[in-house]
Amino acid sequence: MLRIANSWLIINKGGGPTDDKPAVTAAPPKSSDTLTMALNLRVADVHACYDLWRSRGAEFLTEPKVHAGETRCYIRDPDGYLIEVGQMTASAS
Protein backbone atom coordinates (compact mmCIF):
# COMPACT_ATOMS: atom_id res chain seq x y z
CA MET A 1 0.00 0.00 0.00
CA LEU A 2 1.17 3.51 -0.86
CA ARG A 3 -0.20 6.67 0.69
CA ILE A 4 -0.31 9.46 -1.86
CA ALA A 5 -1.59 12.83 -0.65
CA ASN A 6 -5.07 12.06 0.71
CA SER A 7 -5.39 8.67 -0.98
CA TRP A 8 -4.16 5.12 -0.70
CA LEU A 9 -2.93 3.16 -3.69
CA ILE A 10 -3.23 -0.57 -3.11
CA ILE A 11 -1.27 -2.81 -5.47
CA ASN A 12 -2.29 -6.45 -5.58
CA LYS A 13 -0.43 -9.30 -7.23
CA GLY A 14 -3.64 -10.93 -8.42
CA GLY A 15 -5.50 -14.01 -7.38
CA GLY A 16 -8.57 -16.11 -7.84
CA PRO A 17 -12.25 -15.34 -7.61
CA THR A 18 -13.80 -13.90 -4.46
CA ASP A 19 -17.39 -13.66 -3.28
CA ASP A 20 -17.76 -10.18 -4.83
CA LYS A 21 -16.18 -11.22 -8.17
CA PRO A 22 -16.98 -14.93 -8.38
CA ALA A 23 -16.03 -15.46 -12.03
CA VAL A 24 -13.00 -13.14 -12.21
CA THR A 25 -9.34 -14.06 -11.85
CA ALA A 26 -6.75 -11.27 -11.60
CA ALA A 27 -3.56 -12.12 -13.49
CA PRO A 28 -0.68 -10.36 -15.25
CA PRO A 29 -0.97 -9.86 -19.01
CA LYS A 30 -0.19 -12.88 -21.20
CA SER A 31 1.75 -10.71 -23.65
CA SER A 32 3.95 -7.74 -22.77
CA ASP A 33 2.81 -6.12 -26.03
CA THR A 34 -0.89 -6.00 -25.05
CA LEU A 35 -2.09 -3.18 -22.81
CA THR A 36 -4.64 -4.56 -20.34
CA MET A 37 -4.75 -1.67 -17.86
CA ALA A 38 -3.31 1.79 -17.45
CA LEU A 39 -1.48 3.35 -14.55
CA ASN A 40 -0.15 6.85 -15.12
CA LEU A 41 2.13 8.51 -12.60
CA ARG A 42 2.67 12.28 -12.85
CA VAL A 43 5.94 13.59 -11.46
CA ALA A 44 7.42 17.09 -11.10
CA ASP A 45 10.54 16.28 -13.17
CA VAL A 46 10.28 13.27 -15.47
CA HIS A 47 13.96 13.42 -16.51
CA ALA A 48 15.17 13.38 -12.90
CA CYS A 49 12.77 10.51 -12.10
CA TYR A 50 13.96 8.58 -15.17
CA ASP A 51 17.63 9.05 -14.20
CA LEU A 52 17.05 8.09 -10.55
CA TRP A 53 14.96 5.00 -11.28
CA ARG A 54 17.37 3.81 -14.00
CA SER A 55 20.26 4.21 -11.55
CA ARG A 56 18.33 1.86 -9.24
CA GLY A 57 17.88 -0.79 -11.94
CA ALA A 58 14.58 0.16 -13.59
CA GLU A 59 14.32 -0.66 -17.29
CA PHE A 60 12.34 1.83 -19.36
CA LEU A 61 11.06 1.15 -22.88
CA THR A 62 12.51 4.49 -24.07
CA GLU A 63 13.88 7.70 -22.63
CA PRO A 64 11.29 10.45 -21.89
CA LYS A 65 9.62 11.67 -25.10
CA VAL A 66 7.84 14.99 -25.70
CA HIS A 67 4.15 14.73 -26.63
CA ALA A 68 1.40 17.37 -26.75
CA GLY A 69 1.25 18.88 -23.28
CA GLU A 70 3.47 16.32 -21.58
CA THR A 71 6.78 14.50 -21.56
CA ARG A 72 6.48 10.79 -20.80
CA CYS A 73 8.16 7.40 -20.76
CA TYR A 74 7.10 3.88 -19.85
CA ILE A 75 8.37 1.21 -17.48
CA ARG A 76 7.16 -2.32 -16.73
CA ASP A 77 6.49 -3.60 -13.25
CA PRO A 78 7.77 -7.07 -12.26
CA ASP A 79 4.56 -8.70 -13.59
CA GLY A 80 4.89 -7.00 -16.97
CA TYR A 81 2.27 -4.29 -16.52
CA LEU A 82 3.06 -1.06 -18.34
CA ILE A 83 3.28 2.13 -16.25
CA GLU A 84 3.42 5.61 -17.77
CA VAL A 85 5.62 8.13 -15.96
CA GLY A 86 5.00 11.66 -17.17
CA GLN A 87 5.29 15.35 -16.53
CA MET A 88 2.77 17.94 -17.67
CA THR A 89 4.51 20.56 -19.80
CA ALA A 90 1.61 22.78 -20.91
CA SER A 91 -1.81 23.73 -19.69
CA ALA A 92 -4.71 21.81 -21.15
CA SER A 93 -6.97 23.99 -23.25
PDB file of N, CA and C in Angstrom:
ATOM      1  N   MET A   1       0.840  -1.177   0.000  1.00  0.00           N
ATOM      2  CA  MET A   1       0.000   0.000   0.000  1.00  0.00           C
ATOM      3  C   MET A   1       0.884   1.239   0.000  1.00  0.00           C
ATOM      4  N   LEU A   2       0.476   2.234  -0.793  1.00  0.00           N
ATOM      5  CA  LEU A   2       1.171   3.510  -0.856  1.00  0.00           C
ATOM      6  C   LEU A   2       0.205   4.619  -0.485  1.00  0.00           C
ATOM      7  N   ARG A   3       0.623   5.510   0.372  1.00  0.00           N
ATOM      8  CA  ARG A   3      -0.204   6.666   0.688  1.00  0.00           C
ATOM      9  C   ARG A   3       0.280   7.817  -0.179  1.00  0.00           C
ATOM     10  N   ILE A   4      -0.625   8.357  -0.975  1.00  0.00           N
ATOM     11  CA  ILE A   4      -0.309   9.459  -1.864  1.00  0.00           C
ATOM     12  C   ILE A   4      -1.290  10.579  -1.558  1.00  0.00           C
ATOM     13  N   ALA A   5      -0.762  11.699  -1.043  1.00  0.00           N
ATOM     14  CA  ALA A   5      -1.591  12.829  -0.652  1.00  0.00           C
ATOM     15  C   ALA A   5      -2.693  12.331   0.284  1.00  0.00           C
ATOM     16  N   ASN A   6      -3.941  12.472  -0.121  1.00  0.00           N
ATOM     17  CA  ASN A   6      -5.070  12.065   0.713  1.00  0.00           C
ATOM     18  C   ASN A   6      -5.648  10.724   0.289  1.00  0.00           C
ATOM     19  N   SER A   7      -4.882   9.921  -0.429  1.00  0.00           N
ATOM     20  CA  SER A   7      -5.394   8.667  -0.975  1.00  0.00           C
ATOM     21  C   SER A   7      -4.433   7.524  -0.685  1.00  0.00           C
ATOM     22  N   TRP A   8      -4.965   6.322  -0.798  1.00  0.00           N
ATOM     23  CA  TRP A   8      -4.161   5.116  -0.699  1.00  0.00           C
ATOM     24  C   TRP A   8      -4.174   4.427  -2.040  1.00  0.00           C
ATOM     25  N   LEU A   9      -3.032   3.956  -2.477  1.00  0.00           N
ATOM     26  CA  LEU A   9      -2.927   3.158  -3.692  1.00  0.00           C
ATOM     27  C   LEU A   9      -2.556   1.747  -3.245  1.00  0.00           C
ATOM     28  N   ILE A  10      -3.450   0.809  -3.524  1.00  0.00           N
ATOM     29  CA  ILE A  10      -3.229  -0.575  -3.115  1.00  0.00           C
ATOM     30  C   ILE A  10      -2.883  -1.377  -4.357  1.00  0.00           C
ATOM     31  N   ILE A  11      -1.741  -2.025  -4.340  1.00  0.00           N
ATOM     32  CA  ILE A  11      -1.268  -2.805  -5.470  1.00  0.00           C
ATOM     33  C   ILE A  11      -1.341  -4.274  -5.086  1.00  0.00           C
ATOM     34  N   ASN A  12      -2.127  -5.028  -5.842  1.00  0.00           N
ATOM     35  CA  ASN A  12      -2.289  -6.453  -5.581  1.00  0.00           C
ATOM     36  C   ASN A  12      -1.585  -7.268  -6.639  1.00  0.00           C
ATOM     37  N   LYS A  13      -1.113  -8.436  -6.267  1.00  0.00           N
ATOM     38  CA  LYS A  13      -0.433  -9.297  -7.225  1.00  0.00           C
ATOM     39  C   LYS A  13      -1.400 -10.162  -8.021  1.00  0.00           C
ATOM     40  N   GLY A  14      -2.659 -10.118  -7.708  1.00  0.00           N
ATOM     41  CA  GLY A  14      -3.635 -10.930  -8.420  1.00  0.00           C
ATOM     42  C   GLY A  14      -4.151 -12.045  -7.542  1.00  0.00           C
ATOM     43  N   GLY A  15      -4.961 -12.894  -8.121  1.00  0.00           N
ATOM     44  CA  GLY A  15      -5.504 -14.011  -7.376  1.00  0.00           C
ATOM     45  C   GLY A  15      -6.809 -14.492  -7.967  1.00  0.00           C
ATOM     46  N   GLY A  16      -7.357 -15.473  -7.335  1.00  0.00           N
ATOM     47  CA  GLY A  16      -8.566 -16.108  -7.837  1.00  0.00           C
ATOM     48  C   GLY A  16      -9.837 -15.367  -7.490  1.00  0.00           C
ATOM     49  N   PRO A  17     -10.953 -15.942  -7.873  1.00  0.00           N
ATOM     50  CA  PRO A  17     -12.252 -15.344  -7.614  1.00  0.00           C
ATOM     51  C   PRO A  17     -12.509 -15.144  -6.121  1.00  0.00           C
ATOM     52  N   THR A  18     -13.354 -14.165  -5.827  1.00  0.00           N
ATOM     53  CA  THR A  18     -13.797 -13.901  -4.456  1.00  0.00           C
ATOM     54  C   THR A  18     -15.322 -13.809  -4.477  1.00  0.00           C
ATOM     55  N   ASP A  19     -15.935 -13.690  -3.305  1.00  0.00           N
ATOM     56  CA  ASP A  19     -17.395 -13.664  -3.282  1.00  0.00           C
ATOM     57  C   ASP A  19     -17.993 -12.456  -4.007  1.00  0.00           C
ATOM     58  N   ASP A  20     -17.238 -11.358  -4.129  1.00  0.00           N
ATOM     59  CA  ASP A  20     -17.764 -10.182  -4.825  1.00  0.00           C
ATOM     60  C   ASP A  20     -17.363 -10.128  -6.300  1.00  0.00           C
ATOM     61  N   LYS A  21     -16.524 -11.052  -6.741  1.00  0.00           N
ATOM     62  CA  LYS A  21     -16.177 -11.217  -8.166  1.00  0.00           C
ATOM     63  C   LYS A  21     -15.970 -12.712  -8.437  1.00  0.00           C
ATOM     64  N   PRO A  22     -17.071 -13.467  -8.362  1.00  0.00           N
ATOM     65  CA  PRO A  22     -16.985 -14.933  -8.383  1.00  0.00           C
ATOM     66  C   PRO A  22     -16.459 -15.561  -9.666  1.00  0.00           C
ATOM     67  N   ALA A  23     -16.505 -14.864 -10.781  1.00  0.00           N
ATOM     68  CA  ALA A  23     -16.027 -15.465 -12.034  1.00  0.00           C
ATOM     69  C   ALA A  23     -14.788 -14.761 -12.574  1.00  0.00           C
ATOM     70  N   VAL A  24     -14.132 -13.952 -11.743  1.00  0.00           N
ATOM     71  CA  VAL A  24     -13.004 -13.136 -12.206  1.00  0.00           C
ATOM     72  C   VAL A  24     -11.713 -13.576 -11.538  1.00  0.00           C
ATOM     73  N   THR A  25     -10.677 -13.769 -12.350  1.00  0.00           N
ATOM     74  CA  THR A  25      -9.339 -14.057 -11.851  1.00  0.00           C
ATOM     75  C   THR A  25      -8.426 -12.913 -12.258  1.00  0.00           C
ATOM     76  N   ALA A  26      -7.711 -12.334 -11.317  1.00  0.00           N
ATOM     77  CA  ALA A  26      -6.750 -11.269 -11.604  1.00  0.00           C
ATOM     78  C   ALA A  26      -5.403 -11.907 -11.913  1.00  0.00           C
ATOM     79  N   ALA A  27      -4.827 -11.532 -13.061  1.00  0.00           N
ATOM     80  CA  ALA A  27      -3.559 -12.117 -13.493  1.00  0.00           C
ATOM     81  C   ALA A  27      -2.790 -11.114 -14.339  1.00  0.00           C
ATOM     82  N   PRO A  28      -1.473 -11.238 -14.387  1.00  0.00           N
ATOM     83  CA  PRO A  28      -0.682 -10.362 -15.254  1.00  0.00           C
ATOM     84  C   PRO A  28      -1.013 -10.614 -16.722  1.00  0.00           C
ATOM     85  N   PRO A  29      -0.677  -9.675 -17.592  1.00  0.00           N
ATOM     86  CA  PRO A  29      -0.970  -9.861 -19.015  1.00  0.00           C
ATOM     87  C   PRO A  29      -0.223 -11.069 -19.586  1.00  0.00           C
ATOM     88  N   LYS A  30      -0.824 -11.717 -20.570  1.00  0.00           N
ATOM     89  CA  LYS A  30      -0.189 -12.875 -21.205  1.00  0.00           C
ATOM     90  C   LYS A  30       0.887 -12.455 -22.191  1.00  0.00           C
ATOM     91  N   SER A  31       0.760 -11.234 -22.710  1.00  0.00           N
ATOM     92  CA  SER A  31       1.748 -10.712 -23.650  1.00  0.00           C
ATOM     93  C   SER A  31       2.179  -9.327 -23.186  1.00  0.00           C
ATOM     94  N   SER A  32       3.469  -9.062 -23.189  1.00  0.00           N
ATOM     95  CA  SER A  32       3.949  -7.743 -22.774  1.00  0.00           C
ATOM     96  C   SER A  32       3.646  -6.672 -23.812  1.00  0.00           C
ATOM     97  N   ASP A  33       3.147  -7.074 -24.976  1.00  0.00           N
ATOM     98  CA  ASP A  33       2.808  -6.123 -26.025  1.00  0.00           C
ATOM     99  C   ASP A  33       1.317  -5.796 -26.076  1.00  0.00           C
ATOM    100  N   THR A  34       0.540  -6.294 -25.125  1.00  0.00           N
ATOM    101  CA  THR A  34      -0.889  -6.004 -25.053  1.00  0.00           C
ATOM    102  C   THR A  34      -1.168  -5.208 -23.791  1.00  0.00           C
ATOM    103  N   LEU A  35      -1.752  -4.031 -23.954  1.00  0.00           N
ATOM    104  CA  LEU A  35      -2.086  -3.181 -22.808  1.00  0.00           C
ATOM    105  C   LEU A  35      -3.420  -3.630 -22.233  1.00  0.00           C
ATOM    106  N   THR A  36      -3.422  -4.071 -20.978  1.00  0.00           N
ATOM    107  CA  THR A  36      -4.644  -4.558 -20.344  1.00  0.00           C
ATOM    108  C   THR A  36      -5.152  -3.626 -19.253  1.00  0.00           C
ATOM    109  N   MET A  37      -4.357  -2.667 -18.853  1.00  0.00           N
ATOM    110  CA  MET A  37      -4.745  -1.673 -17.861  1.00  0.00           C
ATOM    111  C   MET A  37      -3.814  -0.493 -18.010  1.00  0.00           C
ATOM    112  N   ALA A  38      -4.160   0.608 -17.360  1.00  0.00           N
ATOM    113  CA  ALA A  38      -3.307   1.792 -17.453  1.00  0.00           C
ATOM    114  C   ALA A  38      -3.082   2.376 -16.070  1.00  0.00           C
ATOM    115  N   LEU A  39      -1.840   2.638 -15.770  1.00  0.00           N
ATOM    116  CA  LEU A  39      -1.478   3.352 -14.553  1.00  0.00           C
ATOM    117  C   LEU A  39      -0.547   4.466 -14.989  1.00  0.00           C
ATOM    118  N   ASN A  40      -0.958   5.687 -14.751  1.00  0.00           N
ATOM    119  CA  ASN A  40      -0.154   6.852 -15.123  1.00  0.00           C
ATOM    120  C   ASN A  40       0.287   7.558 -13.850  1.00  0.00           C
ATOM    121  N   LEU A  41       1.574   7.778 -13.729  1.00  0.00           N
ATOM    122  CA  LEU A  41       2.127   8.514 -12.599  1.00  0.00           C
ATOM    123  C   LEU A  41       2.622   9.859 -13.106  1.00  0.00           C
ATOM    124  N   ARG A  42       2.199  10.948 -12.494  1.00  0.00           N
ATOM    125  CA  ARG A  42       2.671  12.278 -12.853  1.00  0.00           C
ATOM    126  C   ARG A  42       3.710  12.700 -11.823  1.00  0.00           C
ATOM    127  N   VAL A  43       4.844  13.168 -12.316  1.00  0.00           N
ATOM    128  CA  VAL A  43       5.944  13.593 -11.461  1.00  0.00           C
ATOM    129  C   VAL A  43       6.309  15.034 -11.791  1.00  0.00           C
ATOM    130  N   ALA A  44       7.032  15.696 -10.893  1.00  0.00           N
ATOM    131  CA  ALA A  44       7.421  17.089 -11.104  1.00  0.00           C
ATOM    132  C   ALA A  44       8.517  17.218 -12.152  1.00  0.00           C
ATOM    133  N   ASP A  45       9.423  16.232 -12.220  1.00  0.00           N
ATOM    134  CA  ASP A  45      10.539  16.282 -13.173  1.00  0.00           C
ATOM    135  C   ASP A  45      10.773  14.874 -13.720  1.00  0.00           C
ATOM    136  N   VAL A  46      10.227  14.617 -14.895  1.00  0.00           N
ATOM    137  CA  VAL A  46      10.283  13.268 -15.467  1.00  0.00           C
ATOM    138  C   VAL A  46      11.717  12.847 -15.787  1.00  0.00           C
ATOM    139  N   HIS A  47      12.572  13.782 -16.194  1.00  0.00           N
ATOM    140  CA  HIS A  47      13.960  13.424 -16.514  1.00  0.00           C
ATOM    141  C   HIS A  47      14.727  13.023 -15.254  1.00  0.00           C
ATOM    142  N   ALA A  48      14.507  13.738 -14.159  1.00  0.00           N
ATOM    143  CA  ALA A  48      15.168  13.384 -12.898  1.00  0.00           C
ATOM    144  C   ALA A  48      14.663  12.031 -12.390  1.00  0.00           C
ATOM    145  N   CYS A  49      13.353  11.789 -12.506  1.00  0.00           N
ATOM    146  CA  CYS A  49      12.774  10.508 -12.099  1.00  0.00           C
ATOM    147  C   CYS A  49      13.348   9.374 -12.945  1.00  0.00           C
ATOM    148  N   TYR A  50      13.402   9.574 -14.241  1.00  0.00           N
ATOM    149  CA  TYR A  50      13.956   8.580 -15.169  1.00  0.00           C
ATOM    150  C   TYR A  50      15.402   8.243 -14.787  1.00  0.00           C
ATOM    151  N   ASP A  51      16.224   9.271 -14.564  1.00  0.00           N
ATOM    152  CA  ASP A  51      17.630   9.046 -14.200  1.00  0.00           C
ATOM    153  C   ASP A  51      17.757   8.311 -12.870  1.00  0.00           C
ATOM    154  N   LEU A  52      16.983   8.718 -11.867  1.00  0.00           N
ATOM    155  CA  LEU A  52      17.051   8.092 -10.549  1.00  0.00           C
ATOM    156  C   LEU A  52      16.614   6.633 -10.610  1.00  0.00           C
ATOM    157  N   TRP A  53      15.455   6.370 -11.228  1.00  0.00           N
ATOM    158  CA  TRP A  53      14.956   4.997 -11.281  1.00  0.00           C
ATOM    159  C   TRP A  53      15.865   4.100 -12.103  1.00  0.00           C
ATOM    160  N   ARG A  54      16.425   4.615 -13.206  1.00  0.00           N
ATOM    161  CA  ARG A  54      17.374   3.812 -14.003  1.00  0.00           C
ATOM    162  C   ARG A  54      18.614   3.484 -13.180  1.00  0.00           C
ATOM    163  N   SER A  55      19.086   4.449 -12.382  1.00  0.00           N
ATOM    164  CA  SER A  55      20.265   4.209 -11.548  1.00  0.00           C
ATOM    165  C   SER A  55      20.004   3.123 -10.508  1.00  0.00           C
ATOM    166  N   ARG A  56      18.728   2.886 -10.212  1.00  0.00           N
ATOM    167  CA  ARG A  56      18.331   1.859  -9.243  1.00  0.00           C
ATOM    168  C   ARG A  56      17.918   0.547  -9.913  1.00  0.00           C
ATOM    169  N   GLY A  57      18.115   0.460 -11.243  1.00  0.00           N
ATOM    170  CA  GLY A  57      17.880  -0.791 -11.940  1.00  0.00           C
ATOM    171  C   GLY A  57      16.614  -0.866 -12.771  1.00  0.00           C
ATOM    172  N   ALA A  58      15.804   0.188 -12.791  1.00  0.00           N
ATOM    173  CA  ALA A  58      14.583   0.161 -13.594  1.00  0.00           C
ATOM    174  C   ALA A  58      14.922   0.140 -15.081  1.00  0.00           C
ATOM    175  N   GLU A  59      14.127  -0.579 -15.840  1.00  0.00           N
ATOM    176  CA  GLU A  59      14.317  -0.657 -17.288  1.00  0.00           C
ATOM    177  C   GLU A  59      13.132  -0.013 -17.985  1.00  0.00           C
ATOM    178  N   PHE A  60      13.372   1.107 -18.628  1.00  0.00           N
ATOM    179  CA  PHE A  60      12.338   1.833 -19.357  1.00  0.00           C
ATOM    180  C   PHE A  60      12.316   1.362 -20.804  1.00  0.00           C
ATOM    181  N   LEU A  61      11.153   1.502 -21.468  1.00  0.00           N
ATOM    182  CA  LEU A  61      11.056   1.148 -22.878  1.00  0.00           C
ATOM    183  C   LEU A  61      11.842   2.134 -23.731  1.00  0.00           C
ATOM    184  N   THR A  62      11.759   3.429 -23.391  1.00  0.00           N
ATOM    185  CA  THR A  62      12.511   4.486 -24.075  1.00  0.00           C
ATOM    186  C   THR A  62      12.840   5.566 -23.056  1.00  0.00           C
ATOM    187  N   GLU A  63      13.652   6.518 -23.456  1.00  0.00           N
ATOM    188  CA  GLU A  63      13.876   7.699 -22.626  1.00  0.00           C
ATOM    189  C   GLU A  63      12.613   8.559 -22.695  1.00  0.00           C
ATOM    190  N   PRO A  64      12.473   9.580 -21.826  1.00  0.00           N
ATOM    191  CA  PRO A  64      11.295  10.452 -21.889  1.00  0.00           C
ATOM    192  C   PRO A  64      11.158  11.108 -23.268  1.00  0.00           C
ATOM    193  N   LYS A  65       9.926  11.100 -23.788  1.00  0.00           N
ATOM    194  CA  LYS A  65       9.618  11.674 -25.101  1.00  0.00           C
ATOM    195  C   LYS A  65       8.606  12.799 -24.935  1.00  0.00           C
ATOM    196  N   VAL A  66       8.751  13.851 -25.731  1.00  0.00           N
ATOM    197  CA  VAL A  66       7.837  14.986 -25.696  1.00  0.00           C
ATOM    198  C   VAL A  66       6.609  14.672 -26.544  1.00  0.00           C
ATOM    199  N   HIS A  67       5.434  14.875 -25.951  1.00  0.00           N
ATOM    200  CA  HIS A  67       4.148  14.727 -26.635  1.00  0.00           C
ATOM    201  C   HIS A  67       3.323  15.965 -26.290  1.00  0.00           C
ATOM    202  N   ALA A  68       2.231  16.177 -26.974  1.00  0.00           N
ATOM    203  CA  ALA A  68       1.396  17.366 -26.754  1.00  0.00           C
ATOM    204  C   ALA A  68       1.058  17.536 -25.271  1.00  0.00           C
ATOM    205  N   GLY A  69       1.579  18.567 -24.664  1.00  0.00           N
ATOM    206  CA  GLY A  69       1.247  18.881 -23.284  1.00  0.00           C
ATOM    207  C   GLY A  69       1.942  18.071 -22.212  1.00  0.00           C
ATOM    208  N   GLU A  70       2.787  17.134 -22.599  1.00  0.00           N
ATOM    209  CA  GLU A  70       3.468  16.318 -21.584  1.00  0.00           C
ATOM    210  C   GLU A  70       4.752  15.707 -22.148  1.00  0.00           C
ATOM    211  N   THR A  71       5.611  15.303 -21.228  1.00  0.00           N
ATOM    212  CA  THR A  71       6.784  14.499 -21.560  1.00  0.00           C
ATOM    213  C   THR A  71       6.604  13.204 -20.791  1.00  0.00           C
ATOM    214  N   ARG A  72       6.778  12.053 -21.473  1.00  0.00           N
ATOM    215  CA  ARG A  72       6.475  10.790 -20.805  1.00  0.00           C
ATOM    216  C   ARG A  72       7.403   9.668 -21.276  1.00  0.00           C
ATOM    217  N   CYS A  73       7.444   8.624 -20.444  1.00  0.00           N
ATOM    218  CA  CYS A  73       8.165   7.404 -20.759  1.00  0.00           C
ATOM    219  C   CYS A  73       7.430   6.259 -20.072  1.00  0.00           C
ATOM    220  N   TYR A  74       7.799   5.045 -20.393  1.00  0.00           N
ATOM    221  CA  TYR A  74       7.097   3.875 -19.855  1.00  0.00           C
ATOM    222  C   TYR A  74       8.077   2.884 -19.255  1.00  0.00           C
ATOM    223  N   ILE A  75       7.608   2.228 -18.205  1.00  0.00           N
ATOM    224  CA  ILE A  75       8.366   1.211 -17.483  1.00  0.00           C
ATOM    225  C   ILE A  75       7.429   0.029 -17.238  1.00  0.00           C
ATOM    226  N   ARG A  76       7.973  -1.157 -17.069  1.00  0.00           N
ATOM    227  CA  ARG A  76       7.160  -2.321 -16.727  1.00  0.00           C
ATOM    228  C   ARG A  76       7.402  -2.703 -15.269  1.00  0.00           C
ATOM    229  N   ASP A  77       6.323  -3.090 -14.600  1.00  0.00           N
ATOM    230  CA  ASP A  77       6.491  -3.598 -13.245  1.00  0.00           C
ATOM    231  C   ASP A  77       6.949  -5.056 -13.327  1.00  0.00           C
ATOM    232  N   PRO A  78       7.263  -5.696 -12.206  1.00  0.00           N
ATOM    233  CA  PRO A  78       7.774  -7.073 -12.257  1.00  0.00           C
ATOM    234  C   PRO A  78       6.826  -8.076 -12.913  1.00  0.00           C
ATOM    235  N   ASP A  79       5.515  -7.792 -12.942  1.00  0.00           N
ATOM    236  CA  ASP A  79       4.562  -8.701 -13.590  1.00  0.00           C
ATOM    237  C   ASP A  79       4.363  -8.393 -15.065  1.00  0.00           C
ATOM    238  N   GLY A  80       5.011  -7.340 -15.561  1.00  0.00           N
ATOM    239  CA  GLY A  80       4.895  -6.996 -16.967  1.00  0.00           C
ATOM    240  C   GLY A  80       3.897  -5.903 -17.288  1.00  0.00           C
ATOM    241  N   TYR A  81       3.211  -5.374 -16.268  1.00  0.00           N
ATOM    242  CA  TYR A  81       2.269  -4.294 -16.522  1.00  0.00           C
ATOM    243  C   TYR A  81       3.015  -3.023 -16.905  1.00  0.00           C
ATOM    244  N   LEU A  82       2.464  -2.296 -17.846  1.00  0.00           N
ATOM    245  CA  LEU A  82       3.063  -1.062 -18.338  1.00  0.00           C
ATOM    246  C   LEU A  82       2.615   0.109 -17.473  1.00  0.00           C
ATOM    247  N   ILE A  83       3.564   0.948 -17.058  1.00  0.00           N
ATOM    248  CA  ILE A  83       3.276   2.128 -16.246  1.00  0.00           C
ATOM    249  C   ILE A  83       3.843   3.349 -16.955  1.00  0.00           C
ATOM    250  N   GLU A  84       2.973   4.339 -17.157  1.00  0.00           N
ATOM    251  CA  GLU A  84       3.421   5.608 -17.766  1.00  0.00           C
ATOM    252  C   GLU A  84       3.911   6.526 -16.665  1.00  0.00           C
ATOM    253  N   VAL A  85       5.077   7.125 -16.877  1.00  0.00           N
ATOM    254  CA  VAL A  85       5.621   8.133 -15.965  1.00  0.00           C
ATOM    255  C   VAL A  85       5.725   9.411 -16.783  1.00  0.00           C
ATOM    256  N   GLY A  86       5.021  10.457 -16.358  1.00  0.00           N
ATOM    257  CA  GLY A  86       4.995  11.661 -17.169  1.00  0.00           C
ATOM    258  C   GLY A  86       5.003  12.939 -16.373  1.00  0.00           C
ATOM    259  N   GLN A  87       5.261  13.997 -17.102  1.00  0.00           N
ATOM    260  CA  GLN A  87       5.293  15.349 -16.528  1.00  0.00           C
ATOM    261  C   GLN A  87       4.484  16.251 -17.461  1.00  0.00           C
ATOM    262  N   MET A  88       3.529  16.980 -16.879  1.00  0.00           N
ATOM    263  CA  MET A  88       2.766  17.936 -17.666  1.00  0.00           C
ATOM    264  C   MET A  88       3.698  19.084 -18.061  1.00  0.00           C
ATOM    265  N   THR A  89       3.626  19.495 -19.326  1.00  0.00           N
ATOM    266  CA  THR A  89       4.508  20.561 -19.796  1.00  0.00           C
ATOM    267  C   THR A  89       3.751  21.768 -20.312  1.00  0.00           C
ATOM    268  N   ALA A  90       2.438  21.658 -20.456  1.00  0.00           N
ATOM    269  CA  ALA A  90       1.611  22.777 -20.910  1.00  0.00           C
ATOM    270  C   ALA A  90       0.218  22.644 -20.325  1.00  0.00           C
ATOM    271  N   SER A  91      -0.447  23.752 -20.195  1.00  0.00           N
ATOM    272  CA  SER A  91      -1.807  23.733 -19.688  1.00  0.00           C
ATOM    273  C   SER A  91      -2.755  23.139 -20.718  1.00  0.00           C
ATOM    274  N   ALA A  92      -3.700  22.355 -20.244  1.00  0.00           N
ATOM    275  CA  ALA A  92      -4.713  21.807 -21.155  1.00  0.00           C
ATOM    276  C   ALA A  92      -5.663  22.916 -21.547  1.00  0.00           C
ATOM    277  N   SER A  93      -6.046  22.939 -22.812  1.00  0.00           N
ATOM    278  CA  SER A  93      -6.965  23.991 -23.249  1.00  0.00           C
ATOM    279  C   SER A  93      -8.309  23.445 -23.624  1.00  0.00           C
TER     280      SER A  93
END
